Amino acid sequence: MPFFRMLTRELFGEDKPNADGIELLVSLTQHLYVHIERELKLTGFWEAIPARNKLKAQLQKTLLQPEFSALPGLVQKRSQIVSRLMEIAEKNNDAILYAP
């Protein structure tokens, strides 16, 4: 949920996304979460700069997929969004890795 909330806030601000926007956000969040979870499982991920850079590149590639192009400001804010995703992932590392 922290990823979804951050994406909603970054892309829609105070506005509420419509049903299509929510559907796209859910799909985007799921795609991003899969990448994040897989990479965090690597031993010593946060100490390995190449591993972090690889994840950032994967996240950016996902954000730029044509299926998500309808989300407002996604392309322009992609660097900021990737940084926020990494912050949230680090902060929630244990919850991501050990969630039931």
PDB file of N, CA and C in Angstrom:
ATOM      1  N   MET A   1       0.793  -1.213   0.000  1.00  0.00           N
ATOM      2  CA  MET A   1       0.000   0.000   0.000  1.00  0.00           C
ATOM      3  C   MET A   1       0.839   1.283   0.000  1.00  0.00           C
ATOM      4  N   PRO A   2       2.006   1.308   0.662  1.00  0.00           N
ATOM      5  CA  PRO A   2       2.762   2.570   0.624  1.00  0.00           C
ATOM      6  C   PRO A   2       3.139   2.972  -0.807  1.00  0.00           C
ATOM      7  N   PHE A   3       3.415   1.987  -1.656  1.00  0.00           N
ATOM      8  CA  PHE A   3       3.788   2.295  -3.036  1.00  0.00           C
ATOM      9  C   PHE A   3       2.591   2.896  -3.776  1.00  0.00           C
ATOM     10  N   PHE A   4       1.428   2.288  -3.611  1.00  0.00           N
ATOM     11  CA  PHE A   4       0.215   2.767  -4.268  1.00  0.00           C
ATOM     12  C   PHE A   4      -0.119   4.191  -3.818  1.00  0.00           C
ATOM     13  N   ARG A   5      -0.055   4.425  -2.516  1.00  0.00           N
ATOM     14  CA  ARG A   5      -0.373   5.758  -1.999  1.00  0.00           C
ATOM     15  C   ARG A   5       0.603   6.810  -2.530  1.00  0.00           C
ATOM     16  N   MET A   6       1.879   6.467  -2.570  1.00  0.00           N
ATOM     17  CA  MET A   6       2.876   7.410  -3.079  1.00  0.00           C
ATOM     18  C   MET A   6       2.625   7.712  -4.556  1.00  0.00           C
ATOM     19  N   LEU A   7       2.352   6.684  -5.350  1.00  0.00           N
ATOM     20  CA  LEU A   7       2.093   6.893  -6.779  1.00  0.00           C
ATOM     21  C   LEU A   7       0.858   7.773  -6.983  1.00  0.00           C
ATOM     22  N   THR A   8      -0.190   7.514  -6.216  1.00  0.00           N
ATOM     23  CA  THR A   8      -1.410   8.310  -6.317  1.00  0.00           C
ATOM     24  C   THR A   8      -1.124   9.769  -5.985  1.00  0.00           C
ATOM     25  N   ARG A   9      -0.376   9.985  -4.910  1.00  0.00           N
ATOM     26  CA  ARG A   9      -0.043  11.349  -4.479  1.00  0.00           C
ATOM     27  C   ARG A   9       0.830  12.055  -5.516  1.00  0.00           C
ATOM     28  N   GLU A  10       1.830  11.362  -6.034  1.00  0.00           N
ATOM     29  CA  GLU A  10       2.748  11.982  -7.005  1.00  0.00           C
ATOM     30  C   GLU A  10       2.061  12.309  -8.326  1.00  0.00           C
ATOM     31  N   LEU A  11       1.168  11.429  -8.767  1.00  0.00           N
ATOM     32  CA  LEU A  11       0.582  11.593 -10.094  1.00  0.00           C
ATOM     33  C   LEU A  11      -0.727  12.373 -10.106  1.00  0.00           C
ATOM     34  N   PHE A  12      -1.472  12.306  -9.020  1.00  0.00           N
ATOM     35  CA  PHE A  12      -2.779  12.949  -9.006  1.00  0.00           C
ATOM     36  C   PHE A  12      -2.880  14.082  -7.991  1.00  0.00           C
ATOM     37  N   GLY A  13      -1.900  14.211  -7.109  1.00  0.00           N
ATOM     38  CA  GLY A  13      -1.941  15.269  -6.103  1.00  0.00           C
ATOM     39  C   GLY A  13      -3.166  15.124  -5.225  1.00  0.00           C
ATOM     40  N   GLU A  14      -3.929  16.194  -5.114  1.00  0.00           N
ATOM     41  CA  GLU A  14      -5.136  16.187  -4.285  1.00  0.00           C
ATOM     42  C   GLU A  14      -6.342  15.612  -5.020  1.00  0.00           C
ATOM     43  N   ASP A  15      -6.222  15.468  -6.336  1.00  0.00           N
ATOM     44  CA  ASP A  15      -7.345  14.938  -7.119  1.00  0.00           C
ATOM     45  C   ASP A  15      -7.497  13.442  -6.885  1.00  0.00           C
ATOM     46  N   LYS A  16      -8.711  12.975  -7.043  1.00  0.00           N
ATOM     47  CA  LYS A  16      -8.980  11.542  -6.932  1.00  0.00           C
ATOM     48  C   LYS A  16      -8.935  10.946  -8.333  1.00  0.00           C
ATOM     49  N   PRO A  17      -8.173   9.866  -8.528  1.00  0.00           N
ATOM     50  CA  PRO A  17      -8.153   9.242  -9.854  1.00  0.00           C
ATOM     51  C   PRO A  17      -9.510   8.600 -10.168  1.00  0.00           C
ATOM     52  N   ASN A  18      -9.859   8.574 -11.454  1.00  0.00           N
ATOM     53  CA  ASN A  18     -11.092   7.897 -11.858  1.00  0.00           C
ATOM     54  C   ASN A  18     -10.857   6.378 -11.853  1.00  0.00           C
ATOM     55  N   ALA A  19     -11.870   5.607 -12.218  1.00  0.00           N
ATOM     56  CA  ALA A  19     -11.769   4.143 -12.163  1.00  0.00           C
ATOM     57  C   ALA A  19     -10.639   3.622 -13.045  1.00  0.00           C
ATOM     58  N   ASP A  20     -10.488   4.202 -14.231  1.00  0.00           N
ATOM     59  CA  ASP A  20      -9.400   3.770 -15.121  1.00  0.00           C
ATOM     60  C   ASP A  20      -8.044   4.101 -14.521  1.00  0.00           C
ATOM     61  N   GLY A  21      -7.959   5.271 -13.901  1.00  0.00           N
ATOM     62  CA  GLY A  21      -6.709   5.672 -13.257  1.00  0.00           C
ATOM     63  C   GLY A  21      -6.344   4.742 -12.118  1.00  0.00           C
ATOM     64  N   ILE A  22      -7.332   4.365 -11.321  1.00  0.00           N
ATOM     65  CA  ILE A  22      -7.081   3.445 -10.208  1.00  0.00           C
ATOM     66  C   ILE A  22      -6.629   2.086 -10.741  1.00  0.00           C
ATOM     67  N   GLU A  23      -7.291   1.640 -11.782  1.00  0.00           N
ATOM     68  CA  GLU A  23      -6.923   0.347 -12.381  1.00  0.00           C
ATOM     69  C   GLU A  23      -5.469   0.365 -12.878  1.00  0.00           C
ATOM     70  N   LEU A  24      -5.099   1.445 -13.541  1.00  0.00           N
ATOM     71  CA  LEU A  24      -3.717   1.580 -14.020  1.00  0.00           C
ATOM     72  C   LEU A  24      -2.734   1.652 -12.861  1.00  0.00           C
ATOM     73  N   LEU A  25      -3.093   2.403 -11.819  1.00  0.00           N
ATOM     74  CA  LEU A  25      -2.216   2.519 -10.642  1.00  0.00           C
ATOM     75  C   LEU A  25      -2.020   1.171  -9.956  1.00  0.00           C
ATOM     76  N   VAL A  26      -3.086   0.398  -9.840  1.00  0.00           N
ATOM     77  CA  VAL A  26      -2.984  -0.927  -9.209  1.00  0.00           C
ATOM     78  C   VAL A  26      -2.062  -1.816 -10.039  1.00  0.00           C
ATOM     79  N   SER A  27      -2.261  -1.819 -11.341  1.00  0.00           N
ATOM     80  CA  SER A  27      -1.423  -2.633 -12.222  1.00  0.00           C
ATOM     81  C   SER A  27       0.044  -2.194 -12.143  1.00  0.00           C
ATOM     82  N   LEU A  28       0.278  -0.890 -12.193  1.00  0.00           N
ATOM     83  CA  LEU A  28       1.641  -0.365 -12.099  1.00  0.00           C
ATOM     84  C   LEU A  28       2.274  -0.743 -10.763  1.00  0.00           C
ATOM     85  N   THR A  29       1.521  -0.589  -9.689  1.00  0.00           N
ATOM     86  CA  THR A  29       2.030  -0.928  -8.359  1.00  0.00           C
ATOM     87  C   THR A  29       2.424  -2.401  -8.293  1.00  0.00           C
ATOM     88  N   GLN A  30       1.598  -3.263  -8.848  1.00  0.00           N
ATOM     89  CA  GLN A  30       1.900  -4.702  -8.837  1.00  0.00           C
ATOM     90  C   GLN A  30       3.174  -4.992  -9.617  1.00  0.00           C
ATOM     91  N   HIS A  31       3.312  -4.388 -10.789  1.00  0.00           N
ATOM     92  CA  HIS A  31       4.528  -4.593 -11.589  1.00  0.00           C
ATOM     93  C   HIS A  31       5.779  -4.135 -10.823  1.00  0.00           C
ATOM     94  N   LEU A  32       5.688  -2.954 -10.257  1.00  0.00           N
ATOM     95  CA  LEU A  32       6.835  -2.408  -9.521  1.00  0.00           C
ATOM     96  C   LEU A  32       7.168  -3.264  -8.304  1.00  0.00           C
ATOM     97  N   TYR A  33       6.147  -3.702  -7.593  1.00  0.00           N
ATOM     98  CA  TYR A  33       6.361  -4.494  -6.377  1.00  0.00           C
ATOM     99  C   TYR A  33       7.064  -5.811  -6.691  1.00  0.00           C
ATOM    100  N   VAL A  34       6.700  -6.439  -7.792  1.00  0.00           N
ATOM    101  CA  VAL A  34       7.343  -7.705  -8.190  1.00  0.00           C
ATOM    102  C   VAL A  34       8.846  -7.499  -8.368  1.00  0.00           C
ATOM    103  N   HIS A  35       9.218  -6.422  -9.057  1.00  0.00           N
ATOM    104  CA  HIS A  35      10.650  -6.128  -9.256  1.00  0.00           C
ATOM    105  C   HIS A  35      11.344  -5.876  -7.915  1.00  0.00           C
ATOM    106  N   ILE A  36      10.714  -5.050  -7.089  1.00  0.00           N
ATOM    107  CA  ILE A  36      11.316  -4.684  -5.807  1.00  0.00           C
ATOM    108  C   ILE A  36      11.489  -5.909  -4.921  1.00  0.00           C
ATOM    109  N   GLU A  37      10.452  -6.704  -4.796  1.00  0.00           N
ATOM    110  CA  GLU A  37      10.519  -7.885  -3.934  1.00  0.00           C
ATOM    111  C   GLU A  37      11.614  -8.851  -4.401  1.00  0.00           C
ATOM    112  N   ARG A  38      11.682  -9.094  -5.709  1.00  0.00           N
ATOM    113  CA  ARG A  38      12.679 -10.028  -6.250  1.00  0.00           C
ATOM    114  C   ARG A  38      14.100  -9.546  -5.941  1.00  0.00           C
ATOM    115  N   GLU A  39      14.358  -8.264  -6.147  1.00  0.00           N
ATOM    116  CA  GLU A  39      15.706  -7.746  -5.933  1.00  0.00           C
ATOM    117  C   GLU A  39      16.080  -7.685  -4.452  1.00  0.00           C
ATOM    118  N   LEU A  40      15.123  -7.356  -3.598  1.00  0.00           N
ATOM    119  CA  LEU A  40      15.426  -7.276  -2.164  1.00  0.00           C
ATOM    120  C   LEU A  40      15.809  -8.623  -1.576  1.00  0.00           C
ATOM    121  N   LYS A  41      15.388  -9.696  -2.222  1.00  0.00           N
ATOM    122  CA  LYS A  41      15.718 -11.040  -1.730  1.00  0.00           C
ATOM    123  C   LYS A  41      17.198 -11.379  -1.920  1.00  0.00           C
ATOM    124  N   LEU A  42      17.882 -10.592  -2.729  1.00  0.00           N
ATOM    125  CA  LEU A  42      19.314 -10.833  -2.936  1.00  0.00           C
ATOM    126  C   LEU A  42      20.084 -10.483  -1.665  1.00  0.00           C
ATOM    127  N   THR A  43      21.002 -11.327  -1.300  1.00  0.00           N
ATOM    128  CA  THR A  43      21.815 -11.085  -0.111  1.00  0.00           C
ATOM    129  C   THR A  43      22.629  -9.809  -0.294  1.00  0.00           C
ATOM    130  N   GLY A  44      22.563  -8.936   0.704  1.00  0.00           N
ATOM    131  CA  GLY A  44      23.350  -7.712   0.680  1.00  0.00           C
ATOM    132  C   GLY A  44      22.894  -6.701  -0.357  1.00  0.00           C
ATOM    133  N   PHE A  45      21.625  -6.745  -0.720  1.00  0.00           N
ATOM    134  CA  PHE A  45      21.126  -5.849  -1.769  1.00  0.00           C
ATOM    135  C   PHE A  45      21.443  -4.384  -1.490  1.00  0.00           C
ATOM    136  N   TRP A  46      21.164  -3.910  -0.289  1.00  0.00           N
ATOM    137  CA  TRP A  46      21.317  -2.474  -0.003  1.00  0.00           C
ATOM    138  C   TRP A  46      22.776  -2.033   0.028  1.00  0.00           C
ATOM    139  N   GLU A  47      23.709  -2.970   0.180  1.00  0.00           N
ATOM    140  CA  GLU A  47      25.129  -2.620   0.162  1.00  0.00           C
ATOM    141  C   GLU A  47      25.715  -2.682  -1.244  1.00  0.00           C
ATOM    142  N   ALA A  48      24.993  -3.276  -2.173  1.00  0.00           N
ATOM    143  CA  ALA A  48      25.508  -3.486  -3.533  1.00  0.00           C
ATOM    144  C   ALA A  48      24.993  -2.390  -4.474  1.00  0.00           C
ATOM    145  N   ILE A  49      25.848  -1.463  -4.798  1.00  0.00           N
ATOM    146  CA  ILE A  49      25.460  -0.356  -5.676  1.00  0.00           C
ATOM    147  C   ILE A  49      25.000  -0.859  -7.048  1.00  0.00           C
ATOM    148  N   PRO A  50      25.681  -1.829  -7.671  1.00  0.00           N
ATOM    149  CA  PRO A  50      25.207  -2.323  -8.971  1.00  0.00           C
ATOM    150  C   PRO A  50      23.799  -2.932  -8.883  1.00  0.00           C
ATOM    151  N   ALA A  51      23.501  -3.617  -7.797  1.00  0.00           N
ATOM    152  CA  ALA A  51      22.166  -4.209  -7.635  1.00  0.00           C
ATOM    153  C   ALA A  51      21.106  -3.113  -7.500  1.00  0.00           C
ATOM    154  N   ARG A  52      21.425  -2.081  -6.750  1.00  0.00           N
ATOM    155  CA  ARG A  52      20.473  -0.961  -6.594  1.00  0.00           C
ATOM    156  C   ARG A  52      20.258  -0.247  -7.929  1.00  0.00           C
ATOM    157  N   ASN A  53      21.343  -0.045  -8.675  1.00  0.00           N
ATOM    158  CA  ASN A  53      21.233   0.612  -9.979  1.00  0.00           C
ATOM    159  C   ASN A  53      20.403  -0.236 -10.953  1.00  0.00           C
ATOM    160  N   LYS A  54      20.578  -1.540 -10.880  1.00  0.00           N
ATOM    161  CA  LYS A  54      19.798  -2.443 -11.733  1.00  0.00           C
ATOM    162  C   LYS A  54      18.313  -2.314 -11.408  1.00  0.00           C
ATOM    163  N   LEU A  55      17.978  -2.278 -10.131  1.00  0.00           N
ATOM    164  CA  LEU A  55      16.578  -2.143  -9.731  1.00  0.00           C
ATOM    165  C   LEU A  55      16.023  -0.793 -10.197  1.00  0.00           C
ATOM    166  N   LYS A  56      16.784   0.262 -10.027  1.00  0.00           N
ATOM    167  CA  LYS A  56      16.325   1.578 -10.483  1.00  0.00           C
ATOM    168  C   LYS A  56      16.022   1.556 -11.985  1.00  0.00           C
ATOM    169  N   ALA A  57      16.887   0.911 -12.746  1.00  0.00           N
ATOM    170  CA  ALA A  57      16.686   0.819 -14.199  1.00  0.00           C
ATOM    171  C   ALA A  57      15.422   0.007 -14.512  1.00  0.00           C
ATOM    172  N   GLN A  58      15.207  -1.080 -13.784  1.00  0.00           N
ATOM    173  CA  GLN A  58      14.002  -1.884 -13.999  1.00  0.00           C
ATOM    174  C   GLN A  58      12.747  -1.086 -13.663  1.00  0.00           C
ATOM    175  N   LEU A  59      12.797  -0.335 -12.579  1.00  0.00           N
ATOM    176  CA  LEU A  59      11.641   0.467 -12.181  1.00  0.00           C
ATOM    177  C   LEU A  59      11.341   1.534 -13.232  1.00  0.00           C
ATOM    178  N   GLN A  60      12.383   2.197 -13.716  1.00  0.00           N
ATOM    179  CA  GLN A  60      12.188   3.229 -14.735  1.00  0.00           C
ATOM    180  C   GLN A  60      11.620   2.617 -16.013  1.00  0.00           C
ATOM    181  N   LYS A  61      12.140   1.461 -16.402  1.00  0.00           N
ATOM    182  CA  LYS A  61      11.643   0.780 -17.606  1.00  0.00           C
ATOM    183  C   LYS A  61      10.152   0.457 -17.452  1.00  0.00           C
ATOM    184  N   THR A  62       9.768   0.008 -16.271  1.00  0.00           N
ATOM    185  CA  THR A  62       8.356  -0.303 -16.012  1.00  0.00           C
ATOM    186  C   THR A  62       7.508   0.960 -16.100  1.00  0.00           C
ATOM    187  N   LEU A  63       7.983   2.046 -15.499  1.00  0.00           N
ATOM    188  CA  LEU A  63       7.232   3.301 -15.533  1.00  0.00           C
ATOM    189  C   LEU A  63       7.020   3.804 -16.958  1.00  0.00           C
ATOM    190  N   LEU A  64       7.950   3.510 -17.837  1.00  0.00           N
ATOM    191  CA  LEU A  64       7.885   4.019 -19.206  1.00  0.00           C
ATOM    192  C   LEU A  64       7.155   3.087 -20.175  1.00  0.00           C
ATOM    193  N   GLN A  65       6.604   1.983 -19.672  1.00  0.00           N
ATOM    194  CA  GLN A  65       5.865   1.076 -20.544  1.00  0.00           C
ATOM    195  C   GLN A  65       4.641   1.786 -21.118  1.00  0.00           C
ATOM    196  N   PRO A  66       4.346   1.543 -22.387  1.00  0.00           N
ATOM    197  CA  PRO A  66       3.214   2.219 -23.048  1.00  0.00           C
ATOM    198  C   PRO A  66       1.877   2.046 -22.318  1.00  0.00           C
ATOM    199  N   GLU A  67       1.674   0.915 -21.666  1.00  0.00           N
ATOM    200  CA  GLU A  67       0.385   0.676 -21.007  1.00  0.00           C
ATOM    201  C   GLU A  67       0.106   1.666 -19.873  1.00  0.00           C
ATOM    202  N   PHE A  68       1.158   2.304 -19.346  1.00  0.00           N
ATOM    203  CA  PHE A  68       0.972   3.254 -18.244  1.00  0.00           C
ATOM    204  C   PHE A  68       1.048   4.711 -18.698  1.00  0.00           C
ATOM    205  N   SER A  69       1.128   4.937 -20.000  1.00  0.00           N
ATOM    206  CA  SER A  69       1.309   6.299 -20.524  1.00  0.00           C
ATOM    207  C   SER A  69       0.114   7.217 -20.247  1.00  0.00           C
ATOM    208  N   ALA A  70      -1.050   6.652 -19.936  1.00  0.00           N
ATOM    209  CA  ALA A  70      -2.235   7.481 -19.654  1.00  0.00           C
ATOM    210  C   ALA A  70      -2.166   8.133 -18.274  1.00  0.00           C
ATOM    211  N   LEU A  71      -1.243   7.695 -17.425  1.00  0.00           N
ATOM    212  CA  LEU A  71      -1.126   8.291 -16.094  1.00  0.00           C
ATOM    213  C   LEU A  71      -0.480   9.671 -16.211  1.00  0.00           C
ATOM    214  N   PRO A  72      -1.114  10.694 -15.654  1.00  0.00           N
ATOM    215  CA  PRO A  72      -0.632  12.072 -15.828  1.00  0.00           C
ATOM    216  C   PRO A  72       0.721  12.329 -15.160  1.00  0.00           C
ATOM    217  N   GLY A  73       1.650  12.873 -15.942  1.00  0.00           N
ATOM    218  CA  GLY A  73       2.940  13.284 -15.394  1.00  0.00           C
ATOM    219  C   GLY A  73       3.905  12.166 -15.085  1.00  0.00           C
ATOM    220  N   LEU A  74       3.572  10.939 -15.458  1.00  0.00           N
ATOM    221  CA  LEU A  74       4.429   9.796 -15.114  1.00  0.00           C
ATOM    222  C   LEU A  74       5.819   9.925 -15.738  1.00  0.00           C
ATOM    223  N   VAL A  75       5.869  10.258 -17.015  1.00  0.00           N
ATOM    224  CA  VAL A  75       7.160  10.363 -17.703  1.00  0.00           C
ATOM    225  C   VAL A  75       8.001  11.488 -17.119  1.00  0.00           C
ATOM    226  N   GLN A  76       7.382  12.638 -16.883  1.00  0.00           N
ATOM    227  CA  GLN A  76       8.111  13.793 -16.374  1.00  0.00           C
ATOM    228  C   GLN A  76       8.614  13.565 -14.948  1.00  0.00           C
ATOM    229  N   LYS A  77       7.866  12.829 -14.153  1.00  0.00           N
ATOM    230  CA  LYS A  77       8.218  12.634 -12.742  1.00  0.00           C
ATOM    231  C   LYS A  77       8.907  11.302 -12.473  1.00  0.00           C
ATOM    232  N   ARG A  78       9.325  10.592 -13.507  1.00  0.00           N
ATOM    233  CA  ARG A  78       9.839   9.231 -13.314  1.00  0.00           C
ATOM    234  C   ARG A  78      11.061   9.160 -12.401  1.00  0.00           C
ATOM    235  N   SER A  79      11.985  10.092 -12.511  1.00  0.00           N
ATOM    236  CA  SER A  79      13.183  10.050 -11.664  1.00  0.00           C
ATOM    237  C   SER A  79      12.817  10.234 -10.200  1.00  0.00           C
ATOM    238  N   GLN A  80      11.943  11.177  -9.941  1.00  0.00           N
ATOM    239  CA  GLN A  80      11.482  11.436  -8.581  1.00  0.00           C
ATOM    240  C   GLN A  80      10.723  10.216  -8.042  1.00  0.00           C
ATOM    241  N   ILE A  81       9.905   9.600  -8.883  1.00  0.00           N
ATOM    242  CA  ILE A  81       9.135   8.422  -8.459  1.00  0.00           C
ATOM    243  C   ILE A  81      10.060   7.255  -8.157  1.00  0.00           C
ATOM    244  N   VAL A  82      11.067   7.039  -8.994  1.00  0.00           N
ATOM    245  CA  VAL A  82      12.023   5.950  -8.749  1.00  0.00           C
ATOM    246  C   VAL A  82      12.737   6.168  -7.418  1.00  0.00           C
ATOM    247  N   SER A  83      13.151   7.392  -7.145  1.00  0.00           N
ATOM    248  CA  SER A  83      13.811   7.693  -5.869  1.00  0.00           C
ATOM    249  C   SER A  83      12.900   7.403  -4.685  1.00  0.00           C
ATOM    250  N   ARG A  84      11.637   7.819  -4.798  1.00  0.00           N
ATOM    251  CA  ARG A  84      10.672   7.570  -3.722  1.00  0.00           C
ATOM    252  C   ARG A  84      10.421   6.069  -3.555  1.00  0.00           C
ATOM    253  N   LEU A  85      10.333   5.339  -4.653  1.00  0.00           N
ATOM    254  CA  LEU A  85      10.137   3.886  -4.571  1.00  0.00           C
ATOM    255  C   LEU A  85      11.286   3.228  -3.817  1.00  0.00           C
ATOM    256  N   MET A  86      12.508   3.672  -4.113  1.00  0.00           N
ATOM    257  CA  MET A  86      13.683   3.110  -3.438  1.00  0.00           C
ATOM    258  C   MET A  86      13.656   3.439  -1.948  1.00  0.00           C
ATOM    259  N   GLU A  87      13.276   4.668  -1.600  1.00  0.00           N
ATOM    260  CA  GLU A  87      13.183   5.053  -0.182  1.00  0.00           C
ATOM    261  C   GLU A  87      12.161   4.193   0.549  1.00  0.00           C
ATOM    262  N   ILE A  88      11.001   4.032  -0.055  1.00  0.00           N
ATOM    263  CA  ILE A  88       9.943   3.240   0.572  1.00  0.00           C
ATOM    264  C   ILE A  88      10.366   1.780   0.690  1.00  0.00           C
ATOM    265  N   ALA A  89      11.026   1.261  -0.345  1.00  0.00           N
ATOM    266  CA  ALA A  89      11.484  -0.126  -0.314  1.00  0.00           C
ATOM    267  C   ALA A  89      12.487  -0.344   0.817  1.00  0.00           C
ATOM    268  N   GLU A  90      13.417   0.603   0.980  1.00  0.00           N
ATOM    269  CA  GLU A  90      14.411   0.460   2.045  1.00  0.00           C
ATOM    270  C   GLU A  90      13.754   0.554   3.418  1.00  0.00           C
ATOM    271  N   LYS A  91      12.852   1.488   3.566  1.00  0.00           N
ATOM    272  CA  LYS A  91      12.168   1.677   4.841  1.00  0.00           C
ATOM    273  C   LYS A  91      11.309   0.465   5.205  1.00  0.00           C
ATOM    274  N   ASN A  92      10.720  -0.181   4.198  1.00  0.00           N
ATOM    275  CA  ASN A  92       9.817  -1.307   4.415  1.00  0.00           C
ATOM    276  C   ASN A  92      10.442  -2.642   4.041  1.00  0.00           C
ATOM    277  N   ASN A  93      11.756  -2.702   4.030  1.00  0.00           N
ATOM    278  CA  ASN A  93      12.477  -3.903   3.612  1.00  0.00           C
ATOM    279  C   ASN A  93      11.971  -5.168   4.307  1.00  0.00           C
ATOM    280  N   ASP A  94      11.884  -5.161   5.613  1.00  0.00           N
ATOM    281  CA  ASP A  94      11.477  -6.360   6.338  1.00  0.00           C
ATOM    282  C   ASP A  94      10.028  -6.741   6.045  1.00  0.00           C
ATOM    283  N   ALA A  95       9.156  -5.762   5.955  1.00  0.00           N
ATOM    284  CA  ALA A  95       7.747  -6.035   5.661  1.00  0.00           C
ATOM    285  C   ALA A  95       7.600  -6.649   4.275  1.00  0.00           C
ATOM    286  N   ILE A  96       8.408  -6.186   3.330  1.00  0.00           N
ATOM    287  CA  ILE A  96       8.347  -6.720   1.959  1.00  0.00           C
ATOM    288  C   ILE A  96       8.864  -8.152   1.931  1.00  0.00           C
ATOM    289  N   LEU A  97       9.980  -8.397   2.608  1.00  0.00           N
ATOM    290  CA  LEU A  97      10.595  -9.719   2.564  1.00  0.00           C
ATOM    291  C   LEU A  97       9.877 -10.760   3.403  1.00  0.00           C
ATOM    292  N   TYR A  98       9.297 -10.342   4.509  1.00  0.00           N
ATOM    293  CA  TYR A  98       8.757 -11.331   5.439  1.00  0.00           C
ATOM    294  C   TYR A  98       7.250 -11.254   5.593  1.00  0.00           C
ATOM    295  N   ALA A  99       6.576 -10.577   4.648  1.00  0.00           N
ATOM    296  CA  ALA A  99       5.108 -10.496   4.703  1.00  0.00           C
ATOM    297  C   ALA A  99       4.530 -11.890   4.449  1.00  0.00           C
ATOM    298  N   PRO A 100       3.471 -12.243   5.156  1.00  0.00           N
ATOM    299  CA  PRO A 100       2.881 -13.575   4.944  1.00  0.00           C
ATOM    300  C   PRO A 100       2.242 -13.710   3.584  1.00  0.00           C
TER     301      PRO A 100
END
